Amino acid sequence: GTALLSAEIDRDATYVLRWDGGVRNNPSSCAGAGYCILHAESGAEVRSGYEYLGMGGTARTSNEAEYIALCLGLEGARRAGVRKLNLEGDSELVVRQIEGTYACKSKRLRPLRRRAMGLLQGGGADGAGTVPFDIWGIR
């Protein structure tokens, strides 16, 4: 995704990752995903990014857009050097699937959930192992 801002990261500080995905209709080939990373104490935005999804191509569901936004945010946090995160998303389905409360039954969502879980557990987008995020909360 396109990174919009990059500030100095304090590796000992806690940050908040907020993400959102959306589609014009559900499903739709007009979709987007975005995220922002905030310093938990000051609220200062340290990084954000977005990606257009499926413009004129593959139709995406709102849940796919939500997962893609989460993955973009986790990749952005990883690149920025963030280690401690609170996760905040407005998709109950994605949040509950990530925390393990809901099963992921959709064939379309399973690869996206695996990607998100791999990023959370220390696997980079390129498959290289890194330090897992220290997750302080998800809602």
C-alpha atoms as a PDB file:
ATOM      1  CA  GLY A   1       0.000   0.000   0.000  1.00  0.00           C
ATOM      2  CA  THR A   2       0.940   3.605  -0.329  1.00  0.00           C
ATOM      3  CA  ALA A   3       2.620   4.946   2.820  1.00  0.00           C
ATOM      4  CA  LEU A   4       1.587   8.524   3.495  1.00  0.00           C
ATOM      5  CA  LEU A   5       3.573   9.455   6.563  1.00  0.00           C
ATOM      6  CA  SER A   6       6.563   8.174   8.411  1.00  0.00           C
ATOM      7  CA  ALA A   7       7.741   9.544  11.734  1.00  0.00           C
ATOM      8  CA  GLU A   8      10.395   8.438  14.185  1.00  0.00           C
ATOM      9  CA  ILE A   9       9.344   5.219  15.918  1.00  0.00           C
ATOM     10  CA  ASP A  10      10.133   4.548  19.559  1.00  0.00           C
ATOM     11  CA  ARG A  11      10.549   0.768  19.665  1.00  0.00           C
ATOM     12  CA  ASP A  12       9.564   0.694  23.361  1.00  0.00           C
ATOM     13  CA  ALA A  13       6.345   2.668  22.887  1.00  0.00           C
ATOM     14  CA  THR A  14       2.900   1.216  22.274  1.00  0.00           C
ATOM     15  CA  TYR A  15       1.063   2.152  19.090  1.00  0.00           C
ATOM     16  CA  VAL A  16      -2.506   1.791  17.851  1.00  0.00           C
ATOM     17  CA  LEU A  17      -3.240   0.316  14.423  1.00  0.00           C
ATOM     18  CA  ARG A  18      -6.623   1.363  13.051  1.00  0.00           C
ATOM     19  CA  TRP A  19      -7.738  -0.086   9.750  1.00  0.00           C
ATOM     20  CA  ASP A  20     -10.787  -0.039   7.513  1.00  0.00           C
ATOM     21  CA  GLY A  21     -11.833  -1.489   4.191  1.00  0.00           C
ATOM     22  CA  GLY A  22     -14.817  -0.675   2.071  1.00  0.00           C
ATOM     23  CA  VAL A  23     -16.610  -1.460  -1.161  1.00  0.00           C
ATOM     24  CA  ARG A  24     -19.142   0.518  -3.175  1.00  0.00           C
ATOM     25  CA  ASN A  25     -21.552  -2.424  -3.311  1.00  0.00           C
ATOM     26  CA  ASN A  26     -20.958  -5.812  -1.727  1.00  0.00           C
ATOM     27  CA  PRO A  27     -19.195  -7.389  -3.571  1.00  0.00           C
ATOM     28  CA  SER A  28     -17.777  -4.790  -5.916  1.00  0.00           C
ATOM     29  CA  SER A  29     -14.852  -4.144  -8.206  1.00  0.00           C
ATOM     30  CA  CYS A  30     -14.681  -0.656  -6.661  1.00  0.00           C
ATOM     31  CA  ALA A  31     -13.022  -1.131  -3.275  1.00  0.00           C
ATOM     32  CA  GLY A  32     -10.345   0.285  -1.017  1.00  0.00           C
ATOM     33  CA  ALA A  33      -8.376  -0.414   2.139  1.00  0.00           C
ATOM     34  CA  GLY A  34      -6.528   1.919   4.494  1.00  0.00           C
ATOM     35  CA  TYR A  35      -4.822   2.149   7.847  1.00  0.00           C
ATOM     36  CA  CYS A  36      -3.215   4.568  10.256  1.00  0.00           C
ATOM     37  CA  ILE A  37      -0.755   3.954  13.066  1.00  0.00           C
ATOM     38  CA  LEU A  38      -0.963   6.268  16.070  1.00  0.00           C
ATOM     39  CA  HIS A  39       1.257   6.695  19.122  1.00  0.00           C
ATOM     40  CA  ALA A  40      -0.928   5.273  21.927  1.00  0.00           C
ATOM     41  CA  GLU A  41      -0.132   8.010  24.468  1.00  0.00           C
ATOM     42  CA  SER A  42       0.057  11.146  22.334  1.00  0.00           C
ATOM     43  CA  GLY A  43      -2.329  10.118  19.556  1.00  0.00           C
ATOM     44  CA  ALA A  44       0.181  11.382  16.992  1.00  0.00           C
ATOM     45  CA  GLU A  45      -0.114   9.715  13.592  1.00  0.00           C
ATOM     46  CA  VAL A  46       3.188   8.098  12.679  1.00  0.00           C
ATOM     47  CA  ARG A  47       2.266   6.227   9.528  1.00  0.00           C
ATOM     48  CA  SER A  48      -0.715   5.649   7.265  1.00  0.00           C
ATOM     49  CA  GLY A  49      -1.407   4.075   3.937  1.00  0.00           C
ATOM     50  CA  TYR A  50      -4.070   2.935   1.534  1.00  0.00           C
ATOM     51  CA  GLU A  51      -4.633   0.786  -1.510  1.00  0.00           C
ATOM     52  CA  TYR A  52      -7.294   0.734  -4.187  1.00  0.00           C
ATOM     53  CA  LEU A  53      -8.627  -2.782  -4.635  1.00  0.00           C
ATOM     54  CA  GLY A  54     -10.101  -4.301  -7.733  1.00  0.00           C
ATOM     55  CA  MET A  55     -10.768  -1.102  -9.622  1.00  0.00           C
ATOM     56  CA  GLY A  56     -12.363  -2.441 -12.779  1.00  0.00           C
ATOM     57  CA  GLY A  57     -11.138  -5.948 -12.016  1.00  0.00           C
ATOM     58  CA  THR A  58     -11.845  -8.591  -9.416  1.00  0.00           C
ATOM     59  CA  ALA A  59     -14.862  -7.949  -7.223  1.00  0.00           C
ATOM     60  CA  ARG A  60     -14.006  -7.794  -3.509  1.00  0.00           C
ATOM     61  CA  THR A  61     -16.293  -8.239  -0.528  1.00  0.00           C
ATOM     62  CA  SER A  62     -16.297  -5.822   2.384  1.00  0.00           C
ATOM     63  CA  ASN A  63     -14.708  -8.499   4.582  1.00  0.00           C
ATOM     64  CA  GLU A  64     -11.893  -9.032   2.067  1.00  0.00           C
ATOM     65  CA  ALA A  65     -11.281  -5.267   2.019  1.00  0.00           C
ATOM     66  CA  GLU A  66     -11.162  -5.252   5.836  1.00  0.00           C
ATOM     67  CA  TYR A  67      -8.584  -8.061   5.951  1.00  0.00           C
ATOM     68  CA  ILE A  68      -6.470  -6.411   3.257  1.00  0.00           C
ATOM     69  CA  ALA A  69      -6.520  -3.149   5.238  1.00  0.00           C
ATOM     70  CA  LEU A  70      -5.411  -5.005   8.376  1.00  0.00           C
ATOM     71  CA  CYS A  71      -2.561  -6.684   6.487  1.00  0.00           C
ATOM     72  CA  LEU A  72      -1.457  -3.377   4.957  1.00  0.00           C
ATOM     73  CA  GLY A  73      -1.382  -1.861   8.440  1.00  0.00           C
ATOM     74  CA  LEU A  74       0.562  -4.770   9.929  1.00  0.00           C
ATOM     75  CA  GLU A  75       3.067  -4.593   7.070  1.00  0.00           C
ATOM     76  CA  GLY A  76       3.373  -0.826   7.564  1.00  0.00           C
ATOM     77  CA  ALA A  77       3.928  -1.276  11.300  1.00  0.00           C
ATOM     78  CA  ARG A  78       6.540  -3.946  10.649  1.00  0.00           C
ATOM     79  CA  ARG A  79       8.418  -1.756   8.141  1.00  0.00           C
ATOM     80  CA  ALA A  80       8.309   1.178  10.575  1.00  0.00           C
ATOM     81  CA  GLY A  81       9.807  -0.914  13.382  1.00  0.00           C
ATOM     82  CA  VAL A  82       6.736  -0.970  15.640  1.00  0.00           C
ATOM     83  CA  ARG A  83       6.746  -3.846  18.133  1.00  0.00           C
ATOM     84  CA  LYS A  84       3.846  -3.102  20.529  1.00  0.00           C
ATOM     85  CA  LEU A  85       0.383  -2.684  19.034  1.00  0.00           C
ATOM     86  CA  ASN A  86      -3.214  -2.241  20.015  1.00  0.00           C
ATOM     87  CA  LEU A  87      -5.439  -3.288  17.114  1.00  0.00           C
ATOM     88  CA  GLU A  88      -8.651  -1.372  16.450  1.00  0.00           C
ATOM     89  CA  GLY A  89     -10.975  -2.317  13.617  1.00  0.00           C
ATOM     90  CA  ASP A  90     -14.685  -1.852  13.033  1.00  0.00           C
ATOM     91  CA  SER A  91     -15.317  -5.235  11.412  1.00  0.00           C
ATOM     92  CA  GLU A  92     -16.691  -7.568  14.069  1.00  0.00           C
ATOM     93  CA  LEU A  93     -16.102 -10.567  11.800  1.00  0.00           C
ATOM     94  CA  VAL A  94     -12.414  -9.812  11.198  1.00  0.00           C
ATOM     95  CA  VAL A  95     -11.716  -8.884  14.825  1.00  0.00           C
ATOM     96  CA  ARG A  96     -13.425 -12.033  16.139  1.00  0.00           C
ATOM     97  CA  GLN A  97     -11.675 -14.254  13.587  1.00  0.00           C
ATOM     98  CA  ILE A  98      -8.277 -12.797  14.471  1.00  0.00           C
ATOM     99  CA  GLU A  99      -8.846 -13.282  18.192  1.00  0.00           C
ATOM    100  CA  GLY A 100     -10.145 -16.820  17.551  1.00  0.00           C
ATOM    101  CA  THR A 101     -13.722 -16.308  18.754  1.00  0.00           C
ATOM    102  CA  TYR A 102     -15.209 -16.952  15.291  1.00  0.00           C
ATOM    103  CA  ALA A 103     -14.098 -19.640  12.849  1.00  0.00           C
ATOM    104  CA  CYS A 104     -13.056 -18.547   9.380  1.00  0.00           C
ATOM    105  CA  LYS A 105     -15.319 -20.559   7.081  1.00  0.00           C
ATOM    106  CA  SER A 106     -15.057 -18.524   3.877  1.00  0.00           C
ATOM    107  CA  LYS A 107     -12.682 -19.874   1.231  1.00  0.00           C
ATOM    108  CA  ARG A 108     -12.116 -16.288   0.085  1.00  0.00           C
ATOM    109  CA  LEU A 109     -11.154 -15.091   3.574  1.00  0.00           C
ATOM    110  CA  ARG A 110      -8.965 -18.001   4.717  1.00  0.00           C
ATOM    111  CA  PRO A 111      -5.820 -16.919   2.810  1.00  0.00           C
ATOM    112  CA  LEU A 112      -6.248 -13.351   4.041  1.00  0.00           C
ATOM    113  CA  ARG A 113      -6.647 -14.512   7.643  1.00  0.00           C
ATOM    114  CA  ARG A 114      -3.545 -16.714   7.296  1.00  0.00           C
ATOM    115  CA  ARG A 115      -1.617 -13.720   5.960  1.00  0.00           C
ATOM    116  CA  ALA A 116      -2.767 -11.519   8.866  1.00  0.00           C
ATOM    117  CA  MET A 117      -1.991 -14.191  11.465  1.00  0.00           C
ATOM    118  CA  GLY A 118       1.439 -14.774   9.939  1.00  0.00           C
ATOM    119  CA  LEU A 119       2.198 -11.060  10.182  1.00  0.00           C
ATOM    120  CA  LEU A 120       0.971 -10.948  13.780  1.00  0.00           C
ATOM    121  CA  GLN A 121       3.042 -13.960  14.756  1.00  0.00           C
ATOM    122  CA  GLY A 122       6.267 -12.705  13.230  1.00  0.00           C
ATOM    123  CA  GLY A 123       6.209 -13.897   9.638  1.00  0.00           C
ATOM    124  CA  GLY A 124       6.842 -11.060   7.237  1.00  0.00           C
ATOM    125  CA  ALA A 125       4.915 -10.582   4.016  1.00  0.00           C
ATOM    126  CA  ASP A 126       7.936 -12.020   2.200  1.00  0.00           C
ATOM    127  CA  GLY A 127       7.948 -15.108   4.453  1.00  0.00           C
ATOM    128  CA  ALA A 128      11.007 -13.969   6.404  1.00  0.00           C
ATOM    129  CA  GLY A 129      10.717 -14.490  10.147  1.00  0.00           C
ATOM    130  CA  THR A 130      10.767 -11.442  12.367  1.00  0.00           C
ATOM    131  CA  VAL A 131       9.939 -10.724  15.997  1.00  0.00           C
ATOM    132  CA  PRO A 132       6.214 -11.246  16.687  1.00  0.00           C
ATOM    133  CA  PHE A 133       4.160  -8.185  17.553  1.00  0.00           C
ATOM    134  CA  ASP A 134       3.371  -7.758  21.233  1.00  0.00           C
ATOM    135  CA  ILE A 135      -0.383  -7.308  20.986  1.00  0.00           C
ATOM    136  CA  TRP A 136      -1.811  -5.319  23.879  1.00  0.00           C
ATOM    137  CA  GLY A 137      -5.419  -5.531  22.816  1.00  0.00           C
ATOM    138  CA  ILE A 138      -7.818  -5.961  19.927  1.00  0.00           C
ATOM    139  CA  ARG A 139     -11.240  -4.458  19.461  1.00  0.00           C
END
